[in-house]
Amino acid sequence: MIWDGASIHRSEVVKTFLKERPGRIHLERLPAYSPELNPVELVWSQLKRSLKNQVFSSLKGLAVAVLEQVRLLEQDPKLVKAFFRKKEIGFITG
Protein backbone atom coordinates (compact mmCIF):
# COMPACT_ATOMS: atom_id res chain seq x y z
CA MET A 1 0.00 0.00 0.00
CA ILE A 2 1.36 3.39 -0.96
CA TRP A 3 0.37 6.23 1.29
CA ASP A 4 1.23 9.83 1.85
CA GLY A 5 1.75 11.60 5.14
CA ALA A 6 -1.88 12.55 5.71
CA SER A 7 -2.78 12.57 9.40
CA ILE A 8 -5.66 10.15 8.80
CA HIS A 9 -3.08 7.50 7.90
CA ARG A 10 -1.57 7.82 11.36
CA SER A 11 -4.88 7.49 13.18
CA GLU A 12 -5.47 4.87 15.85
CA VAL A 13 -7.99 3.13 13.57
CA VAL A 14 -5.34 2.66 10.90
CA LYS A 15 -2.70 1.59 13.43
CA THR A 16 -5.08 -1.00 14.87
CA PHE A 17 -6.02 -2.24 11.39
CA LEU A 18 -2.36 -2.77 10.53
CA LYS A 19 -1.50 -4.40 13.87
CA GLU A 20 -4.31 -6.92 13.33
CA ARG A 21 -2.70 -7.93 10.01
CA PRO A 22 1.01 -8.36 10.73
CA GLY A 23 3.06 -9.06 7.63
CA ARG A 24 0.03 -8.96 5.34
CA ILE A 25 0.31 -5.34 4.23
CA HIS A 26 3.50 -3.75 2.99
CA LEU A 27 3.55 0.02 3.42
CA GLU A 28 5.46 2.32 1.13
CA ARG A 29 5.36 5.81 2.55
CA LEU A 30 5.74 8.80 0.27
CA PRO A 31 7.91 11.71 1.36
CA ALA A 32 6.13 14.68 2.90
CA TYR A 33 4.21 16.69 0.32
CA SER A 34 5.17 14.82 -2.83
CA PRO A 35 2.23 15.12 -5.23
CA GLU A 36 4.59 14.34 -8.11
CA LEU A 37 4.82 10.77 -6.79
CA ASN A 38 1.10 10.28 -6.38
CA PRO A 39 -1.09 10.28 -9.52
CA VAL A 40 -4.24 10.40 -7.40
CA GLU A 41 -3.35 14.02 -6.62
CA LEU A 42 -4.10 14.76 -10.28
CA VAL A 43 -7.47 13.05 -9.90
CA TRP A 44 -8.29 15.24 -6.88
CA SER A 45 -7.16 18.31 -8.83
CA GLN A 46 -9.44 17.35 -11.73
CA LEU A 47 -12.37 16.86 -9.37
CA LYS A 48 -11.75 20.20 -7.66
CA ARG A 49 -11.59 21.99 -11.02
CA SER A 50 -14.85 20.40 -12.13
CA LEU A 51 -16.61 21.47 -8.90
CA LYS A 52 -15.19 24.97 -8.50
CA ASN A 53 -17.51 27.95 -8.37
CA GLN A 54 -20.42 25.77 -7.33
CA VAL A 55 -22.34 26.24 -4.12
CA PHE A 56 -23.82 23.26 -2.31
CA SER A 57 -26.54 23.79 0.25
CA SER A 58 -25.92 20.43 1.88
CA LEU A 59 -23.25 17.81 2.36
CA LYS A 60 -25.47 15.38 0.48
CA GLY A 61 -25.56 17.71 -2.52
CA LEU A 62 -21.77 17.93 -2.50
CA ALA A 63 -21.47 14.15 -2.21
CA VAL A 64 -23.81 13.65 -5.17
CA ALA A 65 -21.77 16.09 -7.28
CA VAL A 66 -18.46 14.45 -6.35
CA LEU A 67 -19.78 10.98 -7.14
CA GLU A 68 -21.08 12.19 -10.49
CA GLN A 69 -17.63 13.53 -11.36
CA VAL A 70 -16.06 10.22 -10.27
CA ARG A 71 -18.49 8.37 -12.55
CA LEU A 72 -17.47 10.62 -15.44
CA LEU A 73 -13.82 9.78 -14.76
CA GLU A 74 -14.66 6.08 -14.67
CA GLN A 75 -16.17 6.46 -18.13
CA ASP A 76 -13.00 8.08 -19.48
CA PRO A 77 -10.13 5.62 -18.98
CA LYS A 78 -7.92 7.60 -21.38
CA LEU A 79 -8.09 10.59 -19.05
CA VAL A 80 -7.27 8.46 -16.01
CA LYS A 81 -4.31 6.88 -17.82
CA ALA A 82 -3.12 10.37 -18.74
CA PHE A 83 -2.74 11.16 -15.03
CA PHE A 84 -0.12 8.40 -14.82
CA ARG A 85 1.68 9.50 -17.98
CA LYS A 86 2.20 13.14 -17.08
CA LYS A 87 5.88 14.04 -17.05
CA GLU A 88 5.47 15.54 -13.56
CA ILE A 89 4.50 12.16 -12.15
CA GLY A 90 7.36 9.91 -11.15
CA PHE A 91 5.26 6.77 -11.46
CA ILE A 92 6.41 3.68 -13.29
CA THR A 93 3.80 1.99 -15.46
CA GLY A 94 4.15 -0.96 -17.77
PDB file of N, CA and C in Angstrom:
ATOM      1  N   MET A   1       0.848  -1.144   0.000  1.00  0.00           N
ATOM      2  CA  MET A   1       0.000   0.000   0.000  1.00  0.00           C
ATOM      3  C   MET A   1       0.910   1.227   0.000  1.00  0.00           C
ATOM      4  N   ILE A   2       0.614   2.136  -0.906  1.00  0.00           N
ATOM      5  CA  ILE A   2       1.358   3.388  -0.960  1.00  0.00           C
ATOM      6  C   ILE A   2       0.513   4.454  -0.287  1.00  0.00           C
ATOM      7  N   TRP A   3       1.137   5.186   0.624  1.00  0.00           N
ATOM      8  CA  TRP A   3       0.371   6.230   1.293  1.00  0.00           C
ATOM      9  C   TRP A   3       1.221   7.462   1.505  1.00  0.00           C
ATOM     10  N   ASP A   4       0.526   8.574   1.606  1.00  0.00           N
ATOM     11  CA  ASP A   4       1.232   9.826   1.850  1.00  0.00           C
ATOM     12  C   ASP A   4       1.209  10.115   3.346  1.00  0.00           C
ATOM     13  N   GLY A   5       1.625  11.279   3.730  1.00  0.00           N
ATOM     14  CA  GLY A   5       1.747  11.597   5.142  1.00  0.00           C
ATOM     15  C   GLY A   5       0.503  12.181   5.773  1.00  0.00           C
ATOM     16  N   ALA A   6      -0.645  11.989   5.161  1.00  0.00           N
ATOM     17  CA  ALA A   6      -1.881  12.546   5.712  1.00  0.00           C
ATOM     18  C   ALA A   6      -2.103  12.043   7.145  1.00  0.00           C
ATOM     19  N   SER A   7      -2.592  12.923   7.990  1.00  0.00           N
ATOM     20  CA  SER A   7      -2.776  12.571   9.400  1.00  0.00           C
ATOM     21  C   SER A   7      -3.750  11.400   9.574  1.00  0.00           C
ATOM     22  N   ILE A   8      -4.701  11.257   8.690  1.00  0.00           N
ATOM     23  CA  ILE A   8      -5.662  10.152   8.796  1.00  0.00           C
ATOM     24  C   ILE A   8      -4.942   8.802   8.730  1.00  0.00           C
ATOM     25  N   HIS A   9      -3.823   8.749   8.015  1.00  0.00           N
ATOM     26  CA  HIS A   9      -3.075   7.503   7.896  1.00  0.00           C
ATOM     27  C   HIS A   9      -2.344   7.142   9.178  1.00  0.00           C
ATOM     28  N   ARG A  10      -2.230   8.085  10.081  1.00  0.00           N
ATOM     29  CA  ARG A  10      -1.565   7.821  11.356  1.00  0.00           C
ATOM     30  C   ARG A  10      -2.568   7.682  12.497  1.00  0.00           C
ATOM     31  N   SER A  11      -3.836   7.572  12.154  1.00  0.00           N
ATOM     32  CA  SER A  11      -4.877   7.485  13.182  1.00  0.00           C
ATOM     33  C   SER A  11      -4.813   6.149  13.914  1.00  0.00           C
ATOM     34  N   GLU A  12      -5.433   6.113  15.070  1.00  0.00           N
ATOM     35  CA  GLU A  12      -5.473   4.870  15.851  1.00  0.00           C
ATOM     36  C   GLU A  12      -6.215   3.772  15.104  1.00  0.00           C
ATOM     37  N   VAL A  13      -7.234   4.129  14.345  1.00  0.00           N
ATOM     38  CA  VAL A  13      -7.992   3.132  13.571  1.00  0.00           C
ATOM     39  C   VAL A  13      -7.067   2.442  12.576  1.00  0.00           C
ATOM     40  N   VAL A  14      -6.256   3.235  11.878  1.00  0.00           N
ATOM     41  CA  VAL A  14      -5.335   2.658  10.902  1.00  0.00           C
ATOM     42  C   VAL A  14      -4.264   1.829  11.602  1.00  0.00           C
ATOM     43  N   LYS A  15      -3.714   2.345  12.691  1.00  0.00           N
ATOM     44  CA  LYS A  15      -2.700   1.594  13.432  1.00  0.00           C
ATOM     45  C   LYS A  15      -3.240   0.251  13.904  1.00  0.00           C
ATOM     46  N   THR A  16      -4.454   0.247  14.411  1.00  0.00           N
ATOM     47  CA  THR A  16      -5.082  -0.995  14.870  1.00  0.00           C
ATOM     48  C   THR A  16      -5.294  -1.948  13.696  1.00  0.00           C
ATOM     49  N   PHE A  17      -5.799  -1.424  12.591  1.00  0.00           N
ATOM     50  CA  PHE A  17      -6.021  -2.236  11.389  1.00  0.00           C
ATOM     51  C   PHE A  17      -4.731  -2.931  10.969  1.00  0.00           C
ATOM     52  N   LEU A  18      -3.636  -2.195  10.946  1.00  0.00           N
ATOM     53  CA  LEU A  18      -2.357  -2.766  10.528  1.00  0.00           C
ATOM     54  C   LEU A  18      -1.823  -3.770  11.543  1.00  0.00           C
ATOM     55  N   LYS A  19      -1.973  -3.485  12.837  1.00  0.00           N
ATOM     56  CA  LYS A  19      -1.502  -4.403  13.874  1.00  0.00           C
ATOM     57  C   LYS A  19      -2.240  -5.733  13.823  1.00  0.00           C
ATOM     58  N   GLU A  20      -3.502  -5.700  13.408  1.00  0.00           N
ATOM     59  CA  GLU A  20      -4.306  -6.924  13.325  1.00  0.00           C
ATOM     60  C   GLU A  20      -3.936  -7.766  12.110  1.00  0.00           C
ATOM     61  N   ARG A  21      -3.095  -7.233  11.226  1.00  0.00           N
ATOM     62  CA  ARG A  21      -2.704  -7.934  10.008  1.00  0.00           C
ATOM     63  C   ARG A  21      -1.186  -7.921   9.833  1.00  0.00           C
ATOM     64  N   PRO A  22      -0.449  -8.422  10.809  1.00  0.00           N
ATOM     65  CA  PRO A  22       1.015  -8.359  10.732  1.00  0.00           C
ATOM     66  C   PRO A  22       1.548  -9.109   9.513  1.00  0.00           C
ATOM     67  N   GLY A  23       2.435  -8.433   8.785  1.00  0.00           N
ATOM     68  CA  GLY A  23       3.064  -9.058   7.635  1.00  0.00           C
ATOM     69  C   GLY A  23       2.196  -9.184   6.404  1.00  0.00           C
ATOM     70  N   ARG A  24       0.939  -8.791   6.484  1.00  0.00           N
ATOM     71  CA  ARG A  24       0.032  -8.961   5.337  1.00  0.00           C
ATOM     72  C   ARG A  24      -0.022  -7.730   4.451  1.00  0.00           C
ATOM     73  N   ILE A  25       0.371  -6.580   4.991  1.00  0.00           N
ATOM     74  CA  ILE A  25       0.305  -5.337   4.229  1.00  0.00           C
ATOM     75  C   ILE A  25       1.669  -4.672   4.263  1.00  0.00           C
ATOM     76  N   HIS A  26       2.228  -4.457   3.089  1.00  0.00           N
ATOM     77  CA  HIS A  26       3.502  -3.747   2.989  1.00  0.00           C
ATOM     78  C   HIS A  26       3.208  -2.274   2.735  1.00  0.00           C
ATOM     79  N   LEU A  27       3.776  -1.418   3.555  1.00  0.00           N
ATOM     80  CA  LEU A  27       3.553   0.015   3.424  1.00  0.00           C
ATOM     81  C   LEU A  27       4.740   0.672   2.747  1.00  0.00           C
ATOM     82  N   GLU A  28       4.443   1.499   1.788  1.00  0.00           N
ATOM     83  CA  GLU A  28       5.459   2.315   1.135  1.00  0.00           C
ATOM     84  C   GLU A  28       5.035   3.755   1.342  1.00  0.00           C
ATOM     85  N   ARG A  29       5.736   4.438   2.220  1.00  0.00           N
ATOM     86  CA  ARG A  29       5.363   5.808   2.554  1.00  0.00           C
ATOM     87  C   ARG A  29       6.006   6.782   1.587  1.00  0.00           C
ATOM     88  N   LEU A  30       5.223   7.737   1.126  1.00  0.00           N
ATOM     89  CA  LEU A  30       5.740   8.797   0.273  1.00  0.00           C
ATOM     90  C   LEU A  30       6.369   9.873   1.146  1.00  0.00           C
ATOM     91  N   PRO A  31       7.346  10.586   0.607  1.00  0.00           N
ATOM     92  CA  PRO A  31       7.908  11.712   1.362  1.00  0.00           C
ATOM     93  C   PRO A  31       6.839  12.775   1.610  1.00  0.00           C
ATOM     94  N   ALA A  32       7.082  13.613   2.597  1.00  0.00           N
ATOM     95  CA  ALA A  32       6.126  14.684   2.901  1.00  0.00           C
ATOM     96  C   ALA A  32       5.905  15.548   1.662  1.00  0.00           C
ATOM     97  N   TYR A  33       4.676  15.916   1.467  1.00  0.00           N
ATOM     98  CA  TYR A  33       4.209  16.694   0.324  1.00  0.00           C
ATOM     99  C   TYR A  33       4.976  16.351  -0.948  1.00  0.00           C
ATOM    100  N   SER A  34       4.543  15.279  -1.584  1.00  0.00           N
ATOM    101  CA  SER A  34       5.170  14.823  -2.825  1.00  0.00           C
ATOM    102  C   SER A  34       4.100  14.454  -3.850  1.00  0.00           C
ATOM    103  N   PRO A  35       3.293  15.426  -4.272  1.00  0.00           N
ATOM    104  CA  PRO A  35       2.230  15.118  -5.228  1.00  0.00           C
ATOM    105  C   PRO A  35       2.759  14.549  -6.540  1.00  0.00           C
ATOM    106  N   GLU A  36       4.021  14.847  -6.868  1.00  0.00           N
ATOM    107  CA  GLU A  36       4.593  14.336  -8.111  1.00  0.00           C
ATOM    108  C   GLU A  36       4.778  12.824  -8.084  1.00  0.00           C
ATOM    109  N   LEU A  37       4.692  12.221  -6.910  1.00  0.00           N
ATOM    110  CA  LEU A  37       4.817  10.770  -6.792  1.00  0.00           C
ATOM    111  C   LEU A  37       3.469  10.074  -6.660  1.00  0.00           C
ATOM    112  N   ASN A  38       2.408  10.846  -6.664  1.00  0.00           N
ATOM    113  CA  ASN A  38       1.096  10.283  -6.381  1.00  0.00           C
ATOM    114  C   ASN A  38       0.078  10.733  -7.427  1.00  0.00           C
ATOM    115  N   PRO A  39      -0.164   9.903  -8.456  1.00  0.00           N
ATOM    116  CA  PRO A  39      -1.094  10.285  -9.523  1.00  0.00           C
ATOM    117  C   PRO A  39      -2.496  10.624  -9.033  1.00  0.00           C
ATOM    118  N   VAL A  40      -2.898  10.100  -7.886  1.00  0.00           N
ATOM    119  CA  VAL A  40      -4.243  10.400  -7.405  1.00  0.00           C
ATOM    120  C   VAL A  40      -4.389  11.889  -7.096  1.00  0.00           C
ATOM    121  N   GLU A  41      -3.273  12.574  -6.839  1.00  0.00           N
ATOM    122  CA  GLU A  41      -3.351  14.018  -6.616  1.00  0.00           C
ATOM    123  C   GLU A  41      -3.885  14.722  -7.862  1.00  0.00           C
ATOM    124  N   LEU A  42      -3.568  14.190  -9.042  1.00  0.00           N
ATOM    125  CA  LEU A  42      -4.100  14.759 -10.279  1.00  0.00           C
ATOM    126  C   LEU A  42      -5.593  14.489 -10.407  1.00  0.00           C
ATOM    127  N   VAL A  43      -6.030  13.350  -9.907  1.00  0.00           N
ATOM    128  CA  VAL A  43      -7.471  13.051  -9.901  1.00  0.00           C
ATOM    129  C   VAL A  43      -8.189  14.064  -9.017  1.00  0.00           C
ATOM    130  N   TRP A  44      -7.652  14.277  -7.790  1.00  0.00           N
ATOM    131  CA  TRP A  44      -8.289  15.245  -6.885  1.00  0.00           C
ATOM    132  C   TRP A  44      -8.309  16.630  -7.517  1.00  0.00           C
ATOM    133  N   SER A  45      -7.235  17.004  -8.184  1.00  0.00           N
ATOM    134  CA  SER A  45      -7.159  18.309  -8.832  1.00  0.00           C
ATOM    135  C   SER A  45      -8.236  18.426  -9.916  1.00  0.00           C
ATOM    136  N   GLN A  46      -8.400  17.368 -10.690  1.00  0.00           N
ATOM    137  CA  GLN A  46      -9.438  17.346 -11.732  1.00  0.00           C
ATOM    138  C   GLN A  46     -10.823  17.499 -11.111  1.00  0.00           C
ATOM    139  N   LEU A  47     -11.072  16.768 -10.030  1.00  0.00           N
ATOM    140  CA  LEU A  47     -12.368  16.861  -9.365  1.00  0.00           C
ATOM    141  C   LEU A  47     -12.616  18.266  -8.822  1.00  0.00           C
ATOM    142  N   LYS A  48     -11.597  18.840  -8.209  1.00  0.00           N
ATOM    143  CA  LYS A  48     -11.751  20.196  -7.659  1.00  0.00           C
ATOM    144  C   LYS A  48     -12.036  21.204  -8.759  1.00  0.00           C
ATOM    145  N   ARG A  49     -11.335  21.071  -9.903  1.00  0.00           N
ATOM    146  CA  ARG A  49     -11.593  21.990 -11.021  1.00  0.00           C
ATOM    147  C   ARG A  49     -13.011  21.853 -11.536  1.00  0.00           C
ATOM    148  N   SER A  50     -13.507  20.618 -11.585  1.00  0.00           N
ATOM    149  CA  SER A  50     -14.854  20.396 -12.134  1.00  0.00           C
ATOM    150  C   SER A  50     -15.950  20.889 -11.181  1.00  0.00           C
ATOM    151  N   LEU A  51     -15.607  21.047  -9.893  1.00  0.00           N
ATOM    152  CA  LEU A  51     -16.612  21.471  -8.904  1.00  0.00           C
ATOM    153  C   LEU A  51     -16.454  22.926  -8.465  1.00  0.00           C
ATOM    154  N   LYS A  52     -15.427  23.605  -8.969  1.00  0.00           N
ATOM    155  CA  LYS A  52     -15.186  24.972  -8.504  1.00  0.00           C
ATOM    156  C   LYS A  52     -16.334  25.896  -8.917  1.00  0.00           C
ATOM    157  N   ASN A  53     -16.482  26.923  -8.148  1.00  0.00           N
ATOM    158  CA  ASN A  53     -17.513  27.949  -8.368  1.00  0.00           C
ATOM    159  C   ASN A  53     -18.935  27.423  -8.251  1.00  0.00           C
ATOM    160  N   GLN A  54     -19.093  26.291  -7.606  1.00  0.00           N
ATOM    161  CA  GLN A  54     -20.424  25.769  -7.331  1.00  0.00           C
ATOM    162  C   GLN A  54     -20.693  25.900  -5.839  1.00  0.00           C
ATOM    163  N   VAL A  55     -21.948  26.130  -5.515  1.00  0.00           N
ATOM    164  CA  VAL A  55     -22.344  26.238  -4.119  1.00  0.00           C
ATOM    165  C   VAL A  55     -23.275  25.076  -3.814  1.00  0.00           C
ATOM    166  N   PHE A  56     -23.001  24.397  -2.710  1.00  0.00           N
ATOM    167  CA  PHE A  56     -23.817  23.262  -2.308  1.00  0.00           C
ATOM    168  C   PHE A  56     -24.495  23.613  -0.995  1.00  0.00           C
ATOM    169  N   SER A  57     -25.787  23.425  -0.958  1.00  0.00           N
ATOM    170  CA  SER A  57     -26.544  23.786   0.248  1.00  0.00           C
ATOM    171  C   SER A  57     -26.525  22.682   1.300  1.00  0.00           C
ATOM    172  N   SER A  58     -25.968  21.529   0.917  1.00  0.00           N
ATOM    173  CA  SER A  58     -25.916  20.435   1.882  1.00  0.00           C
ATOM    174  C   SER A  58     -24.726  19.534   1.562  1.00  0.00           C
ATOM    175  N   LEU A  59     -24.318  18.784   2.558  1.00  0.00           N
ATOM    176  CA  LEU A  59     -23.249  17.812   2.359  1.00  0.00           C
ATOM    177  C   LEU A  59     -23.685  16.742   1.367  1.00  0.00           C
ATOM    178  N   LYS A  60     -24.951  16.380   1.415  1.00  0.00           N
ATOM    179  CA  LYS A  60     -25.471  15.380   0.484  1.00  0.00           C
ATOM    180  C   LYS A  60     -25.358  15.877  -0.958  1.00  0.00           C
ATOM    181  N   GLY A  61     -25.669  17.144  -1.176  1.00  0.00           N
ATOM    182  CA  GLY A  61     -25.557  17.710  -2.516  1.00  0.00           C
ATOM    183  C   GLY A  61     -24.125  17.681  -3.020  1.00  0.00           C
ATOM    184  N   LEU A  62     -23.185  17.990  -2.144  1.00  0.00           N
ATOM    185  CA  LEU A  62     -21.768  17.927  -2.504  1.00  0.00           C
ATOM    186  C   LEU A  62     -21.378  16.494  -2.825  1.00  0.00           C
ATOM    187  N   ALA A  63     -21.803  15.558  -1.992  1.00  0.00           N
ATOM    188  CA  ALA A  63     -21.469  14.145  -2.210  1.00  0.00           C
ATOM    189  C   ALA A  63     -22.000  13.658  -3.552  1.00  0.00           C
ATOM    190  N   VAL A  64     -23.219  14.040  -3.890  1.00  0.00           N
ATOM    191  CA  VAL A  64     -23.815  13.647  -5.175  1.00  0.00           C
ATOM    192  C   VAL A  64     -22.977  14.204  -6.325  1.00  0.00           C
ATOM    193  N   ALA A  65     -22.568  15.468  -6.218  1.00  0.00           N
ATOM    194  CA  ALA A  65     -21.774  16.095  -7.278  1.00  0.00           C
ATOM    195  C   ALA A  65     -20.407  15.428  -7.420  1.00  0.00           C
ATOM    196  N   VAL A  66     -19.767  15.113  -6.305  1.00  0.00           N
ATOM    197  CA  VAL A  66     -18.458  14.453  -6.352  1.00  0.00           C
ATOM    198  C   VAL A  66     -18.589  13.071  -6.983  1.00  0.00           C
ATOM    199  N   LEU A  67     -19.590  12.318  -6.569  1.00  0.00           N
ATOM    200  CA  LEU A  67     -19.776  10.976  -7.137  1.00  0.00           C
ATOM    201  C   LEU A  67     -20.087  11.029  -8.627  1.00  0.00           C
ATOM    202  N   GLU A  68     -20.803  12.035  -9.053  1.00  0.00           N
ATOM    203  CA  GLU A  68     -21.085  12.193 -10.485  1.00  0.00           C
ATOM    204  C   GLU A  68     -19.785  12.444 -11.251  1.00  0.00           C
ATOM    205  N   GLN A  69     -18.915  13.266 -10.702  1.00  0.00           N
ATOM    206  CA  GLN A  69     -17.630  13.526 -11.357  1.00  0.00           C
ATOM    207  C   GLN A  69     -16.759  12.267 -11.370  1.00  0.00           C
ATOM    208  N   VAL A  70     -16.810  11.485 -10.307  1.00  0.00           N
ATOM    209  CA  VAL A  70     -16.063  10.224 -10.272  1.00  0.00           C
ATOM    210  C   VAL A  70     -16.596   9.281 -11.350  1.00  0.00           C
ATOM    211  N   ARG A  71     -17.899   9.220 -11.499  1.00  0.00           N
ATOM    212  CA  ARG A  71     -18.490   8.369 -12.549  1.00  0.00           C
ATOM    213  C   ARG A  71     -18.027   8.812 -13.937  1.00  0.00           C
ATOM    214  N   LEU A  72     -17.946  10.121 -14.146  1.00  0.00           N
ATOM    215  CA  LEU A  72     -17.466  10.624 -15.435  1.00  0.00           C
ATOM    216  C   LEU A  72     -16.014  10.210 -15.673  1.00  0.00           C
ATOM    217  N   LEU A  73     -15.197  10.251 -14.628  1.00  0.00           N
ATOM    218  CA  LEU A  73     -13.815   9.784 -14.758  1.00  0.00           C
ATOM    219  C   LEU A  73     -13.762   8.297 -15.075  1.00  0.00           C
ATOM    220  N   GLU A  74     -14.619   7.527 -14.424  1.00  0.00           N
ATOM    221  CA  GLU A  74     -14.659   6.080 -14.672  1.00  0.00           C
ATOM    222  C   GLU A  74     -14.997   5.785 -16.128  1.00  0.00           C
ATOM    223  N   GLN A  75     -15.759   6.653 -16.740  1.00  0.00           N
ATOM    224  CA  GLN A  75     -16.166   6.456 -18.130  1.00  0.00           C
ATOM    225  C   GLN A  75     -15.122   6.960 -19.124  1.00  0.00           C
ATOM    226  N   ASP A  76     -14.037   7.532 -18.617  1.00  0.00           N
ATOM    227  CA  ASP A  76     -13.000   8.083 -19.483  1.00  0.00           C
ATOM    228  C   ASP A  76     -11.631   7.519 -19.095  1.00  0.00           C
ATOM    229  N   PRO A  77     -11.398   6.232 -19.390  1.00  0.00           N
ATOM    230  CA  PRO A  77     -10.133   5.615 -18.984  1.00  0.00           C
ATOM    231  C   PRO A  77      -8.911   6.293 -19.600  1.00  0.00           C
ATOM    232  N   LYS A  78      -9.059   6.900 -20.766  1.00  0.00           N
ATOM    233  CA  LYS A  78      -7.918   7.601 -21.375  1.00  0.00           C
ATOM    234  C   LYS A  78      -7.473   8.764 -20.498  1.00  0.00           C
ATOM    235  N   LEU A  79      -8.424   9.480 -19.931  1.00  0.00           N
ATOM    236  CA  LEU A  79      -8.088  10.594 -19.052  1.00  0.00           C
ATOM    237  C   LEU A  79      -7.372  10.086 -17.798  1.00  0.00           C
ATOM    238  N   VAL A  80      -7.889   9.018 -17.216  1.00  0.00           N
ATOM    239  CA  VAL A  80      -7.271   8.465 -16.007  1.00  0.00           C
ATOM    240  C   VAL A  80      -5.851   7.994 -16.313  1.00  0.00           C
ATOM    241  N   LYS A  81      -5.660   7.318 -17.434  1.00  0.00           N
ATOM    242  CA  LYS A  81      -4.314   6.879 -17.816  1.00  0.00           C
ATOM    243  C   LYS A  81      -3.391   8.070 -18.024  1.00  0.00           C
ATOM    244  N   ALA A  82      -3.930   9.176 -18.520  1.00  0.00           N
ATOM    245  CA  ALA A  82      -3.116  10.374 -18.741  1.00  0.00           C
ATOM    246  C   ALA A  82      -2.549  10.906 -17.429  1.00  0.00           C
ATOM    247  N   PHE A  83      -3.263  10.716 -16.322  1.00  0.00           N
ATOM    248  CA  PHE A  83      -2.741  11.159 -15.027  1.00  0.00           C
ATOM    249  C   PHE A  83      -1.425  10.445 -14.703  1.00  0.00           C
ATOM    250  N   PHE A  84      -1.311   9.189 -15.105  1.00  0.00           N
ATOM    251  CA  PHE A  84      -0.120   8.399 -14.824  1.00  0.00           C
ATOM    252  C   PHE A  84       1.012   8.692 -15.805  1.00  0.00           C
ATOM    253  N   ARG A  85       0.671   9.264 -16.944  1.00  0.00           N
ATOM    254  CA  ARG A  85       1.678   9.504 -17.976  1.00  0.00           C
ATOM    255  C   ARG A  85       2.239  10.921 -17.966  1.00  0.00           C
ATOM    256  N   LYS A  86       1.704  11.771 -17.124  1.00  0.00           N
ATOM    257  CA  LYS A  86       2.203  13.144 -17.076  1.00  0.00           C
ATOM    258  C   LYS A  86       3.671  13.148 -16.685  1.00  0.00           C
ATOM    259  N   LYS A  87       4.438  14.009 -17.328  1.00  0.00           N
ATOM    260  CA  LYS A  87       5.878  14.038 -17.047  1.00  0.00           C
ATOM    261  C   LYS A  87       6.176  14.428 -15.608  1.00  0.00           C
ATOM    262  N   GLU A  88       5.260  15.134 -14.955  1.00  0.00           N
ATOM    263  CA  GLU A  88       5.468  15.543 -13.565  1.00  0.00           C
ATOM    264  C   GLU A  88       5.348  14.382 -12.588  1.00  0.00           C
ATOM    265  N   ILE A  89       4.738  13.305 -13.024  1.00  0.00           N
ATOM    266  CA  ILE A  89       4.496  12.160 -12.148  1.00  0.00           C
ATOM    267  C   ILE A  89       5.636  11.169 -12.280  1.00  0.00           C
ATOM    268  N   GLY A  90       6.270  10.868 -11.161  1.00  0.00           N
ATOM    269  CA  GLY A  90       7.360   9.908 -11.152  1.00  0.00           C
ATOM    270  C   GLY A  90       6.837   8.512 -10.886  1.00  0.00           C
ATOM    271  N   PHE A  91       5.909   8.044 -11.700  1.00  0.00           N
ATOM    272  CA  PHE A  91       5.258   6.766 -11.465  1.00  0.00           C
ATOM    273  C   PHE A  91       5.622   5.831 -12.603  1.00  0.00           C
ATOM    274  N   ILE A  92       6.017   4.640 -12.278  1.00  0.00           N
ATOM    275  CA  ILE A  92       6.412   3.680 -13.294  1.00  0.00           C
ATOM    276  C   ILE A  92       5.199   2.846 -13.684  1.00  0.00           C
ATOM    277  N   THR A  93       4.887   2.828 -14.968  1.00  0.00           N
ATOM    278  CA  THR A  93       3.798   1.987 -15.465  1.00  0.00           C
ATOM    279  C   THR A  93       4.316   1.120 -16.589  1.00  0.00           C
ATOM    280  N   GLY A  94       3.688  -0.028 -16.747  1.00  0.00           N
ATOM    281  CA  GLY A  94       4.148  -0.958 -17.768  1.00  0.00           C
ATOM    282  C   GLY A  94       3.488  -0.761 -19.083  1.00  0.00           C
TER     283      GLY A  94
END
